Amino acid sequence: MPHDVWIPPVHRDLTHGVERVAVDGSTIGAVIEALDAQFPGLAARLTDGDRLRPGIAAAVNGVVASRGLRQKLTDASEIHFVPAMAGG
């Protein structure tokens, strides 16, 4: 099940300018692994160990994923990696 993944502009140096990629994965973590297989170094920019890096959120079909890398993806989805928002 391919997902439509939008690459943030700050990371497009690793994708040679490509802004959208179709990859398979049953979780956000698996999607990042698939992205890293195509574009080495992308996982290091998006993750810190077994979590998304602080300041990065994954949005699936417009909704921020509450489970981070463990967020399950049951249908083909649109995924964006965006700066996490904090309020005060």
Protein backbone atom coordinates (compact mmCIF):
# COMPACT_ATOMS: atom_id res chain seq x y z
CA MET A 1 0.00 0.00 0.00
CA PRO A 2 1.91 3.07 -1.19
CA HIS A 3 1.70 6.30 0.78
CA ASP A 4 2.19 9.76 -0.69
CA VAL A 5 4.95 11.33 1.44
CA TRP A 6 5.79 15.03 1.19
CA ILE A 7 9.43 15.84 1.89
CA PRO A 8 10.00 19.10 3.81
CA PRO A 9 12.06 21.68 1.87
CA VAL A 10 14.84 21.56 4.48
CA HIS A 11 15.43 17.85 3.68
CA ARG A 12 15.19 17.98 -0.10
CA ASP A 13 18.96 18.17 -0.42
CA LEU A 14 18.89 14.43 0.36
CA THR A 15 16.18 13.75 -2.25
CA HIS A 16 17.85 15.79 -5.03
CA GLY A 17 14.94 18.23 -4.92
CA VAL A 18 12.17 15.63 -5.03
CA GLU A 19 9.27 16.93 -2.94
CA ARG A 20 6.91 13.95 -3.03
CA VAL A 21 7.65 10.23 -2.86
CA ALA A 22 5.43 7.12 -2.88
CA VAL A 23 6.57 4.45 -0.40
CA ASP A 24 5.05 1.46 1.37
CA GLY A 25 4.84 0.93 5.11
CA SER A 26 2.41 -0.22 7.76
CA THR A 27 3.61 2.37 10.32
CA ILE A 28 5.25 5.80 10.25
CA GLY A 29 8.48 4.09 11.30
CA ALA A 30 8.31 1.67 8.35
CA VAL A 31 7.64 4.59 5.99
CA ILE A 32 10.76 6.37 7.29
CA GLU A 33 12.79 3.17 6.82
CA ALA A 34 11.57 2.96 3.21
CA LEU A 35 12.42 6.62 2.66
CA ASP A 36 15.89 6.09 4.12
CA ALA A 37 16.48 3.13 1.78
CA GLN A 38 15.86 5.46 -1.18
CA PHE A 39 17.45 8.56 0.32
CA PRO A 40 20.15 7.64 2.85
CA GLY A 41 20.37 10.03 5.77
CA LEU A 42 16.70 10.97 5.83
CA ALA A 43 15.94 8.73 8.83
CA ALA A 44 18.73 10.38 10.82
CA ARG A 45 17.12 13.77 10.21
CA LEU A 46 13.61 12.63 11.14
CA THR A 47 14.26 10.25 14.03
CA ASP A 48 16.18 10.04 17.26
CA GLY A 49 16.48 6.38 18.19
CA ASP A 50 12.98 4.94 18.33
CA ARG A 51 11.17 8.30 18.26
CA LEU A 52 10.60 11.22 15.95
CA ARG A 53 13.14 13.95 16.59
CA PRO A 54 12.03 16.66 19.01
CA GLY A 55 10.40 19.42 17.02
CA ILE A 56 9.12 17.13 14.25
CA ALA A 57 5.60 15.76 13.94
CA ALA A 58 4.11 13.38 11.41
CA ALA A 59 0.73 14.32 9.98
CA VAL A 60 -1.34 11.56 8.36
CA ASN A 61 -4.15 12.80 6.14
CA GLY A 62 -3.98 16.17 7.89
CA VAL A 63 -4.06 14.81 11.46
CA VAL A 64 -0.95 14.80 13.65
CA ALA A 65 -0.04 11.19 14.47
CA SER A 66 -0.34 10.70 18.22
CA ARG A 67 1.71 7.48 18.31
CA GLY A 68 4.83 8.76 16.55
CA LEU A 69 6.78 6.05 14.73
CA ARG A 70 4.31 3.39 15.93
CA GLN A 71 1.34 5.09 14.26
CA LYS A 72 -0.38 2.41 12.17
CA LEU A 73 -1.27 3.14 8.56
CA THR A 74 -4.17 0.98 7.41
CA ASP A 75 -4.99 2.76 4.15
CA ALA A 76 -2.94 4.59 1.54
CA SER A 77 -2.30 7.97 3.17
CA GLU A 78 -0.80 11.39 2.60
CA ILE A 79 2.03 11.94 5.08
CA HIS A 80 3.81 15.18 5.95
CA PHE A 81 6.72 15.65 8.33
CA VAL A 82 6.28 19.10 9.86
CA PRO A 83 7.76 21.19 12.65
CA ALA A 84 5.88 20.40 15.86
CA MET A 85 3.84 23.30 17.20
CA ALA A 86 4.10 24.37 20.81
CA GLY A 87 1.85 26.80 22.58
CA GLY A 88 2.06 28.85 25.65
